[in-house]
């Protein structure tokens, strides 16, 4: 796979719940991690060896990102999602055109800025349910 530009990532949100996505932010830093948990089935009969179920675990995607939002309405919408603790359809699009779409919960939201620079926002999204990869 060729190198990809980190600045080419986009965050899109289904603002109305109707299935139409709107770009709300250009992401300058993005980290995606997929977690595949374990289901411990160890018993006293396991002779102290760890045992687990195959595919019996929970899975989730966490996206940590930072960037610049399109406008104040977009900032307020995503921040309000976090404050409400709601699950909302969101999509992260990578430079290659690949994307991850899922119900995401905003679990962290922050902002920072320099005297002469644009305000930078950071957020963490955690998936709920099975995501769609395209």
Protein backbone atom coordinates (compact mmCIF):
# COMPACT_ATOMS: atom_id res chain seq x y z
CA UNK A 1 0.00 0.00 0.00
CA UNK A 2 1.46 3.40 -0.92
CA UNK A 3 1.90 6.12 1.68
CA UNK A 4 -1.20 8.21 2.36
CA UNK A 5 -1.51 11.86 3.30
CA UNK A 6 -2.95 12.29 6.79
CA UNK A 7 -4.51 15.62 5.88
CA UNK A 8 -6.87 13.92 3.43
CA UNK A 9 -9.13 12.37 6.08
CA UNK A 10 -12.67 13.69 6.44
CA UNK A 11 -15.32 13.38 9.14
CA UNK A 12 -18.89 13.24 7.90
CA UNK A 13 -22.06 13.24 10.01
CA UNK A 14 -25.65 12.33 9.19
CA UNK A 15 -26.97 15.67 10.51
CA UNK A 16 -30.67 14.89 10.01
CA UNK A 17 -30.87 11.12 10.50
CA UNK A 18 -32.02 10.71 6.90
CA UNK A 19 -28.93 8.89 5.61
CA UNK A 20 -27.30 11.87 3.89
CA UNK A 21 -23.81 12.67 5.16
CA UNK A 22 -22.32 16.16 5.44
CA UNK A 23 -18.59 16.84 5.78
CA UNK A 24 -18.06 18.63 9.09
CA UNK A 25 -14.28 18.46 9.53
CA UNK A 26 -10.98 17.94 7.79
CA UNK A 27 -8.88 15.73 10.02
CA UNK A 28 -5.17 16.51 10.27
CA UNK A 29 -4.37 13.68 12.65
CA UNK A 30 -6.24 10.42 12.76
CA UNK A 31 -5.66 7.18 14.61
CA UNK A 32 -7.98 4.25 14.14
CA UNK A 33 -7.81 1.16 16.32
CA UNK A 34 -9.88 -1.98 16.26
CA UNK A 35 -10.24 -3.89 19.49
CA UNK A 36 -11.10 -7.57 19.61
CA UNK A 37 -11.79 -8.50 23.21
CA UNK A 38 -11.53 -11.83 24.92
CA UNK A 39 -14.13 -14.02 26.56
CA UNK A 40 -12.48 -15.75 29.46
CA UNK A 41 -13.90 -19.26 29.98
CA UNK A 42 -11.18 -20.45 32.35
CA UNK A 43 -12.46 -22.74 35.11
CA UNK A 44 -10.86 -24.72 37.93
CA UNK A 45 -10.63 -27.62 35.44
CA UNK A 46 -8.32 -25.57 33.15
CA UNK A 47 -5.27 -26.42 35.28
CA UNK A 48 -4.51 -22.69 35.63
CA UNK A 49 -4.30 -22.24 31.84
CA UNK A 50 -6.26 -19.39 30.28
CA UNK A 51 -9.13 -20.54 28.03
CA UNK A 52 -11.39 -18.45 25.85
CA UNK A 53 -14.19 -18.68 23.31
CA UNK A 54 -13.39 -18.36 19.63
CA UNK A 55 -15.20 -15.28 18.30
CA UNK A 56 -17.03 -14.92 21.60
CA UNK A 57 -15.70 -11.47 22.32
CA UNK A 58 -16.86 -7.93 21.85
CA UNK A 59 -15.38 -5.76 19.12
CA UNK A 60 -15.18 -2.00 18.76
CA UNK A 61 -13.52 0.72 16.75
CA UNK A 62 -12.02 3.78 18.37
CA UNK A 63 -11.01 6.79 16.31
CA UNK A 64 -8.89 9.55 17.81
CA UNK A 65 -8.73 12.56 15.52
CA UNK A 66 -7.78 16.20 15.40
CA UNK A 67 -8.40 18.84 12.81
CA UNK A 68 -10.38 21.84 11.69
CA UNK A 69 -14.17 21.99 11.59
CA UNK A 70 -16.01 23.52 8.62
CA UNK A 71 -17.98 26.05 10.69
CA UNK A 72 -19.41 26.81 14.13
CA UNK A 73 -22.61 24.86 13.43
CA UNK A 74 -20.56 21.71 12.76
CA UNK A 75 -18.52 22.21 15.94
CA UNK A 76 -21.65 22.72 18.01
CA UNK A 77 -23.41 19.70 16.51
CA UNK A 78 -20.56 17.26 17.23
CA UNK A 79 -19.87 18.74 20.68
CA UNK A 80 -23.59 18.48 21.50
CA UNK A 81 -23.53 14.79 20.50
CA UNK A 82 -20.83 14.28 23.14
CA UNK A 83 -22.65 16.24 25.81
CA UNK A 84 -25.86 14.29 25.15
CA UNK A 85 -24.06 10.93 25.14
CA UNK A 86 -25.98 10.05 22.00
CA UNK A 87 -25.15 7.55 19.27
CA UNK A 88 -25.02 9.10 15.81
CA UNK A 89 -24.27 7.87 12.30
CA UNK A 90 -20.82 9.12 11.31
CA UNK A 91 -18.34 8.29 8.60
CA UNK A 92 -14.57 8.70 8.43
CA UNK A 93 -13.23 8.81 4.87
CA UNK A 94 -9.59 8.08 4.13
CA UNK A 95 -7.50 9.44 1.24
CA UNK A 96 -7.92 6.19 -0.69
CA UNK A 97 -11.70 6.62 -0.66
CA UNK A 98 -12.12 3.82 1.87
CA UNK A 99 -14.41 4.63 4.76
CA UNK A 100 -15.73 3.43 8.10
CA UNK A 101 -19.38 4.19 8.83
CA UNK A 102 -21.00 3.35 12.13
CA UNK A 103 -23.04 4.55 15.03
CA UNK A 104 -20.42 6.44 17.00
CA UNK A 105 -20.46 8.03 20.40
CA UNK A 106 -18.32 11.15 20.93
CA UNK A 107 -16.43 10.15 24.07
CA UNK A 108 -13.96 13.06 24.13
CA UNK A 109 -14.05 16.56 22.62
CA UNK A 110 -11.50 19.34 23.03
CA UNK A 111 -10.12 22.44 21.38
CA UNK A 112 -6.90 24.40 21.40
CA UNK A 113 -5.44 27.29 19.50
CA UNK A 114 -2.36 29.38 19.00
CA UNK A 115 -2.24 33.15 18.86
CA UNK A 116 -1.96 33.31 15.05
CA UNK A 117 -3.36 29.91 14.11
CA UNK A 118 -6.67 28.21 13.44
CA UNK A 119 -8.54 26.61 16.32
CA UNK A 120 -7.75 22.91 16.42
CA UNK A 121 -10.27 20.36 17.66
CA UNK A 122 -9.68 16.86 18.98
CA UNK A 123 -12.24 14.14 19.44
CA UNK A 124 -12.57 10.47 20.18
CA UNK A 125 -15.29 8.39 18.56
CA UNK A 126 -16.21 4.91 19.83
CA UNK A 127 -18.36 2.62 17.70
CA UNK A 128 -21.57 0.91 18.75
CA UNK A 129 -22.81 -2.05 16.75
CA UNK A 130 -21.34 -3.44 13.56
CA UNK A 131 -19.62 -0.86 11.35
CA UNK A 132 -19.68 -0.77 7.57
CA UNK A 133 -16.38 -0.74 5.73
CA UNK A 134 -16.36 0.55 2.17
